[in-house]
Amino acid sequence: MRIFAISDIHTDYKDNMQWCRELSDFEYTEDALILAGDVSDDQAVFRETLQVLAAKFKDIFFVPGNHDLWTRRQERGVLDSVGKLAVLRRLCKEGGVRTEPAQVGGVWIAPIYSWYHASFDREPDVPGAPAVENVMVDFAACQWPMSNAHDTSLAEFFDNLNEPSLSNLQDRLEMEEEATGARSPLITFSHFLPHQWLLPEKRMLFQPNLAKAAGSEYIAKRIEELRPIAHVFGHTHFAWDETMAGVRYVQWPLAYPQERARRSDEGGAWRPLMLYDTAAGALSRQRHTYWAAHYREHVRNPANTEAAPWVKARMAMWR
């Protein structure tokens, strides 16, 4: 068994659904896929996507992203985003898609439920940048019975969904380590970012305030407690592959068709990232990604808030 990763497949786009359909019917039949959120806000498309992927992979693990929890007009009054989450988990169960920790091929894979909060952002703002509420659809498309990302209530709610499964997994791994001196390998994944350094500096971003709606410190705490060998995330559509403090952090987004057209992957076709090979008992080689490579060569300097030229041009359009 091999373990693959992908995020942000956005199959509302016909090209992206076609990408799913065109994945090999034979190559992945003994493999597992980590699907790190943002499939579709449409229930029918979401269900169809799971069916397509389940026919190609032996096991699929999923955690919801922000797009998955948008409520469409016809759903409002019937479902809020918490109700939508319950629907998605039911659809996953019906489709044989895992939404709780499980061991496959000797490797534990653990979804971490999460939502972003504005206090995740600890870095100086770019002057004149628009508020994140004005550039992200979530703040209108999600309907919450509690507060929103201006405080930590949503982040706390989602983190609580990880109990008791993650605490039980942590206890199990610690007991295994005490008994044998080693523990089974663990890969965790979330949709949102666990650390702000996994996002380019604000001056580089078309949406400089993206960090206020991108990550959660609760994820970082879970990673610290669980000690995975790798953590997969999504959301920002920046491919990323970097190892820090013994944890390999990977984002491998399919992203929107127009974004995918601007990049290439050693042969031109974007494919799920092979992250772990159980036959070899090891993580795959680290892949080259633009921003991870950039920050290996350049010191991250968030104190520099002078917007890059392309950001200034975008900000001028918003005025």
Protein backbone atom coordinates (compact mmCIF):
# COMPACT_ATOMS: atom_id res chain seq x y z
CA MET A 1 0.00 0.00 0.00
CA ARG A 2 1.02 3.56 -0.77
CA ILE A 3 -0.48 6.66 0.80
CA PHE A 4 -1.27 9.59 -1.49
CA ALA A 5 -2.32 13.15 -0.68
CA ILE A 6 -4.35 15.81 -2.48
CA SER A 7 -6.38 18.83 -1.39
CA ASP A 8 -8.69 21.47 -2.84
CA ILE A 9 -10.00 19.41 -5.72
CA HIS A 10 -13.02 21.74 -6.23
CA THR A 11 -15.02 19.42 -8.43
CA ASP A 12 -17.66 22.09 -8.96
CA TYR A 13 -15.38 22.84 -11.91
CA LYS A 14 -16.03 20.39 -14.74
CA ASP A 15 -12.30 20.22 -15.55
CA ASN A 16 -11.57 19.15 -11.98
CA MET A 17 -14.27 16.49 -11.98
CA GLN A 18 -12.86 15.25 -15.25
CA TRP A 19 -9.41 15.13 -13.64
CA CYS A 20 -10.85 12.79 -10.99
CA ARG A 21 -12.49 10.61 -13.61
CA GLU A 22 -9.27 10.36 -15.62
CA LEU A 23 -7.20 9.03 -12.70
CA SER A 24 -6.13 5.47 -13.42
CA ASP A 25 -8.65 2.74 -12.64
CA PHE A 26 -5.79 0.33 -11.87
CA GLU A 27 -2.81 2.23 -10.43
CA TYR A 28 -4.27 3.02 -7.00
CA THR A 29 -6.45 0.02 -6.18
CA GLU A 30 -4.30 -1.02 -3.20
CA ASP A 31 -3.60 2.53 -2.04
CA ALA A 32 -4.99 5.11 0.38
CA LEU A 33 -5.83 8.72 -0.44
CA ILE A 34 -5.77 11.63 2.01
CA LEU A 35 -8.30 14.21 0.78
CA ALA A 36 -7.63 17.38 2.76
CA GLY A 37 -10.86 19.27 2.18
CA ASP A 38 -12.60 21.51 -0.37
CA VAL A 39 -14.38 19.03 -2.59
CA SER A 40 -17.66 20.84 -3.31
CA ASP A 41 -20.40 22.81 -1.58
CA ASP A 42 -22.99 20.96 -3.71
CA GLN A 43 -24.14 17.76 -2.02
CA ALA A 44 -24.77 15.92 -5.31
CA VAL A 45 -21.33 16.84 -6.65
CA PHE A 46 -19.73 15.94 -3.31
CA ARG A 47 -21.37 12.50 -3.36
CA GLU A 48 -20.44 11.90 -6.99
CA THR A 49 -16.83 12.88 -6.34
CA LEU A 50 -16.53 10.42 -3.47
CA GLN A 51 -18.00 7.69 -5.64
CA VAL A 52 -15.52 8.39 -8.43
CA LEU A 53 -12.51 8.36 -6.09
CA ALA A 54 -13.71 5.37 -4.06
CA ALA A 55 -13.73 3.32 -7.26
CA LYS A 56 -10.04 4.10 -7.75
CA PHE A 57 -8.54 3.95 -4.22
CA LYS A 58 -8.78 1.22 -1.59
CA ASP A 59 -9.15 3.73 1.27
CA ILE A 60 -10.04 7.42 1.36
CA PHE A 61 -9.65 9.73 4.35
CA PHE A 62 -11.43 13.08 4.35
CA VAL A 63 -11.72 16.19 6.47
CA PRO A 64 -13.98 19.10 5.43
CA GLY A 65 -12.76 22.43 4.13
CA ASN A 66 -14.46 25.79 4.12
CA HIS A 67 -16.05 25.37 0.66
CA ASP A 68 -17.59 22.06 1.73
CA LEU A 69 -19.51 23.85 4.49
CA TRP A 70 -21.02 26.62 2.41
CA THR A 71 -24.80 26.45 2.42
CA ARG A 72 -26.59 27.00 -0.87
CA ARG A 73 -29.72 29.15 -1.09
CA GLN A 74 -32.02 26.15 -1.29
CA GLU A 75 -30.42 24.69 1.85
CA ARG A 76 -30.78 27.76 4.04
CA GLY A 77 -33.59 27.55 6.52
CA VAL A 78 -33.08 23.79 6.50
CA LEU A 79 -29.34 23.53 7.11
CA ASP A 80 -26.74 25.75 8.69
CA SER A 81 -23.05 24.91 8.27
CA VAL A 82 -23.03 22.68 11.36
CA GLY A 83 -25.93 20.75 9.86
CA LYS A 84 -24.05 20.63 6.55
CA LEU A 85 -21.10 19.05 8.35
CA ALA A 86 -23.38 16.31 9.68
CA VAL A 87 -24.70 15.68 6.15
CA LEU A 88 -21.18 15.40 4.74
CA ARG A 89 -20.10 12.98 7.43
CA ARG A 90 -23.16 10.85 6.65
CA LEU A 91 -22.35 10.90 2.94
CA CYS A 92 -18.78 9.84 3.74
CA LYS A 93 -20.01 6.96 5.89
CA GLU A 94 -22.39 5.81 3.14
CA GLY A 95 -19.55 5.97 0.62
CA GLY A 96 -17.02 4.13 2.78
CA VAL A 97 -14.87 7.26 3.22
CA ARG A 98 -13.08 7.51 6.57
CA THR A 99 -13.48 10.62 8.72
CA GLU A 100 -11.90 9.21 11.91
CA PRO A 101 -8.38 7.92 12.64
CA ALA A 102 -7.63 4.46 11.27
CA GLN A 103 -4.59 2.29 10.61
CA VAL A 104 -3.92 1.14 7.04
CA GLY A 105 -0.85 -0.79 5.94
CA GLY A 106 0.66 -0.34 9.39
CA VAL A 107 0.34 3.47 9.21
CA TRP A 108 -2.08 5.55 11.25
CA ILE A 109 -3.88 8.30 9.35
CA ALA A 110 -5.70 10.86 11.49
CA PRO A 111 -8.00 13.65 10.28
CA ILE A 112 -7.86 16.83 12.39
CA TYR A 113 -11.09 18.83 12.21
CA SER A 114 -10.41 22.56 12.26
CA TRP A 115 -11.55 26.06 11.41
CA TYR A 116 -9.57 29.28 11.17
CA HIS A 117 -9.48 32.16 13.64
CA ALA A 118 -8.19 35.71 13.13
CA SER A 119 -5.81 35.56 16.12
CA PHE A 120 -3.80 32.89 14.24
CA ASP A 121 -2.31 35.90 12.43
CA ARG A 122 0.52 37.31 14.55
CA GLU A 123 2.27 39.34 11.86
CA PRO A 124 2.09 43.06 10.90
CA ASP A 125 -0.52 44.02 8.31
CA VAL A 126 0.13 45.51 4.88
CA PRO A 127 -1.22 49.10 4.99
CA GLY A 128 -4.32 49.57 2.89
CA ALA A 129 -5.05 45.88 2.42
CA PRO A 130 -8.78 45.07 2.35
CA ALA A 131 -10.34 43.26 5.29
CA VAL A 132 -10.46 39.52 4.79
CA GLU A 133 -14.25 39.58 5.20
CA ASN A 134 -14.47 41.64 2.02
CA VAL A 135 -12.56 39.17 -0.15
CA MET A 136 -13.57 35.73 1.15
CA VAL A 137 -16.96 34.23 0.35
CA ASP A 138 -17.02 32.18 3.56
CA PHE A 139 -18.31 35.07 5.62
CA ALA A 140 -21.51 35.14 3.57
CA ALA A 141 -21.75 31.53 2.37
CA CYS A 142 -21.33 29.84 5.77
CA GLN A 143 -24.17 30.05 8.28
CA TRP A 144 -23.15 29.40 11.89
CA PRO A 145 -25.30 29.07 15.01
CA MET A 146 -22.32 30.38 17.01
CA SER A 147 -19.92 33.26 16.34
CA ASN A 148 -17.47 33.42 13.44
CA ALA A 149 -13.74 33.65 12.81
CA HIS A 150 -13.46 37.02 14.59
CA ASP A 151 -12.99 35.06 17.80
CA THR A 152 -11.94 31.49 18.57
CA SER A 153 -15.41 30.01 19.10
CA LEU A 154 -15.55 28.25 15.72
CA ALA A 155 -11.96 27.02 16.02
CA GLU A 156 -12.74 25.64 19.48
CA PHE A 157 -15.95 24.00 18.25
CA PHE A 158 -14.14 22.20 15.44
CA ASP A 159 -11.21 21.19 17.63
CA ASN A 160 -13.65 19.62 20.08
CA LEU A 161 -14.90 17.39 17.26
CA ASN A 162 -11.52 15.63 17.46
CA GLU A 163 -12.37 14.21 20.86
CA PRO A 164 -12.18 11.52 22.01
CA SER A 165 -10.65 9.97 18.89
CA LEU A 166 -7.36 11.86 18.86
CA SER A 167 -6.81 11.56 22.60
CA ASN A 168 -7.47 7.82 22.36
CA LEU A 169 -5.02 7.57 19.46
CA GLN A 170 -2.39 9.51 21.39
CA ASP A 171 -2.78 7.17 24.38
CA ARG A 172 -2.52 4.12 22.13
CA LEU A 173 0.66 5.34 20.46
CA GLU A 174 2.26 6.23 23.79
CA MET A 175 1.44 2.81 25.21
CA GLU A 176 2.89 1.17 22.11
CA GLU A 177 6.07 3.22 22.48
CA GLU A 178 6.42 2.34 26.15
CA ALA A 179 5.96 -1.36 25.44
CA THR A 180 8.18 -1.70 22.36
CA GLY A 181 10.39 1.38 22.27
CA ALA A 182 8.84 2.44 18.96
CA ARG A 183 5.49 3.59 17.66
CA SER A 184 3.60 3.02 14.45
CA PRO A 185 4.06 5.84 11.92
CA LEU A 186 1.35 8.49 12.00
CA ILE A 187 0.24 10.95 9.32
CA THR A 188 -2.17 13.70 10.36
CA PHE A 189 -4.07 16.07 8.10
CA SER A 190 -6.29 19.12 8.26
CA HIS A 191 -7.72 21.54 5.75
CA PHE A 192 -6.36 24.66 7.41
CA LEU A 193 -2.79 25.65 8.22
CA PRO A 194 -1.14 24.76 11.55
CA HIS A 195 1.60 27.43 11.29
CA GLN A 196 1.75 30.88 9.75
CA TRP A 197 5.18 30.21 8.23
CA LEU A 198 3.39 27.82 5.83
CA LEU A 199 1.92 30.94 4.19
CA PRO A 200 4.02 33.43 2.18
CA GLU A 201 4.67 36.83 3.71
CA LYS A 202 1.69 39.17 3.50
CA ARG A 203 3.45 41.54 1.10
CA MET A 204 3.57 38.68 -1.43
CA LEU A 205 -0.13 37.80 -1.32
CA PHE A 206 -2.90 39.05 -3.59
CA GLN A 207 -5.00 38.89 -0.41
CA PRO A 208 -2.55 40.23 2.20
CA ASN A 209 -4.90 39.52 5.12
CA LEU A 210 -5.40 35.87 4.15
CA ALA A 211 -3.69 34.71 7.36
CA LYS A 212 -6.70 35.93 9.34
CA ALA A 213 -8.79 33.23 7.64
CA ALA A 214 -6.21 30.53 6.96
CA GLY A 215 -5.12 28.65 10.06
CA SER A 216 -5.62 27.54 13.61
CA GLU A 217 -3.26 27.25 16.56
CA TYR A 218 -5.37 24.32 17.74
CA ILE A 219 -4.00 22.26 14.84
CA ALA A 220 -0.43 23.03 15.85
CA LYS A 221 -1.19 21.90 19.40
CA ARG A 222 -2.62 18.60 18.11
CA ILE A 223 0.49 18.04 15.99
CA GLU A 224 2.73 18.74 18.97
CA GLU A 225 0.82 16.21 21.07
CA LEU A 226 0.51 13.49 18.42
CA ARG A 227 4.03 13.76 16.92
CA PRO A 228 3.23 12.64 13.37
CA ILE A 229 5.91 12.01 10.78
CA ALA A 230 3.97 14.17 8.32
CA HIS A 231 1.06 16.58 8.26
CA VAL A 232 -0.99 17.29 5.13
CA PHE A 233 -3.00 20.51 4.79
CA GLY A 234 -4.76 22.57 2.13
CA HIS A 235 -6.80 25.76 1.74
CA THR A 236 -4.29 28.30 0.37
CA HIS A 237 -3.63 26.53 -2.97
CA PHE A 238 0.15 26.92 -2.57
CA ALA A 239 1.99 23.65 -3.13
CA TRP A 240 4.32 23.16 -0.18
CA ASP A 241 6.72 20.42 0.92
CA GLU A 242 8.99 21.21 3.85
CA THR A 243 10.28 19.47 6.96
CA MET A 244 10.48 21.35 10.25
CA ALA A 245 11.17 19.97 13.74
CA GLY A 246 10.92 16.41 12.46
CA VAL A 247 7.50 16.85 10.80
CA ARG A 248 7.05 16.96 7.05
CA TYR A 249 4.42 19.55 6.07
CA VAL A 250 2.76 19.00 2.70
CA GLN A 251 0.15 20.86 0.70
CA TRP A 252 -0.58 19.35 -2.72
CA PRO A 253 -3.62 21.18 -4.13
CA LEU A 254 -5.36 20.41 -7.38
CA ALA A 255 -6.72 23.98 -7.12
CA TYR A 256 -8.76 25.84 -9.74
CA PRO A 257 -8.21 25.02 -13.42
CA GLN A 258 -6.74 28.45 -14.15
CA GLU A 259 -4.26 28.05 -11.29
CA ARG A 260 -3.28 24.56 -12.42
CA ALA A 261 -2.61 25.84 -15.94
CA ARG A 262 0.17 28.05 -14.57
CA ARG A 263 2.23 25.22 -13.13
CA SER A 264 3.76 21.94 -14.22
CA ASP A 265 4.72 18.74 -12.46
CA GLU A 266 7.79 17.17 -14.05
CA GLY A 267 5.71 15.78 -16.87
CA GLY A 268 2.98 18.34 -17.08
CA ALA A 269 0.16 16.39 -15.43
CA TRP A 270 -0.79 17.05 -11.81
CA ARG A 271 -1.29 13.82 -9.87
CA PRO A 272 -1.90 12.96 -6.21
CA LEU A 273 1.35 13.11 -4.26
CA MET A 274 2.73 9.76 -3.16
CA LEU A 275 3.63 10.51 0.46
CA TYR A 276 4.37 7.13 2.04
CA ASP A 277 5.26 3.67 0.73
CA THR A 278 4.49 0.90 3.21
CA ALA A 279 6.73 -1.55 1.33
CA ALA A 280 9.70 0.75 1.89
CA GLY A 281 8.45 1.78 5.32
CA ALA A 282 9.32 5.40 4.64
CA LEU A 283 8.10 8.74 3.43
CA SER A 284 8.64 9.52 -0.23
CA ARG A 285 11.32 11.96 -1.33
CA GLN A 286 10.58 15.60 -0.68
CA ARG A 287 9.25 17.36 -3.77
CA HIS A 288 10.33 20.72 -5.08
CA THR A 289 7.71 23.39 -4.41
CA TYR A 290 8.18 27.06 -5.19
CA TRP A 291 7.52 28.67 -1.82
CA ALA A 292 9.23 26.05 0.34
CA ALA A 293 12.31 26.38 -1.90
CA HIS A 294 12.04 30.18 -1.76
CA TYR A 295 12.20 30.19 2.03
CA ARG A 296 15.12 27.81 2.10
CA GLU A 297 17.02 30.50 0.16
CA HIS A 298 15.51 33.66 1.70
CA VAL A 299 14.81 34.60 5.29
CA ARG A 300 11.12 35.13 5.93
CA ASN A 301 10.69 38.78 6.92
CA PRO A 302 7.07 39.53 7.88
CA ALA A 303 8.14 42.90 9.31
CA ASN A 304 8.54 44.09 5.73
CA THR A 305 5.03 45.29 4.88
CA GLU A 306 5.84 46.99 1.57
CA ALA A 307 3.45 45.30 -0.87
CA ALA A 308 5.02 43.61 -3.88
CA PRO A 309 4.24 45.30 -7.24
CA TRP A 310 1.63 42.69 -8.24
CA VAL A 311 -0.07 43.13 -4.86
CA LYS A 312 -0.10 46.91 -5.20
CA ALA A 313 -1.75 46.56 -8.61
CA ARG A 314 -4.43 44.27 -7.19
CA MET A 315 -5.05 46.56 -4.20
CA ALA A 316 -5.47 49.51 -6.56
CA MET A 317 -8.26 47.61 -8.35
CA TRP A 318 -10.09 47.16 -5.03
CA ARG A 319 -10.11 50.85 -4.17
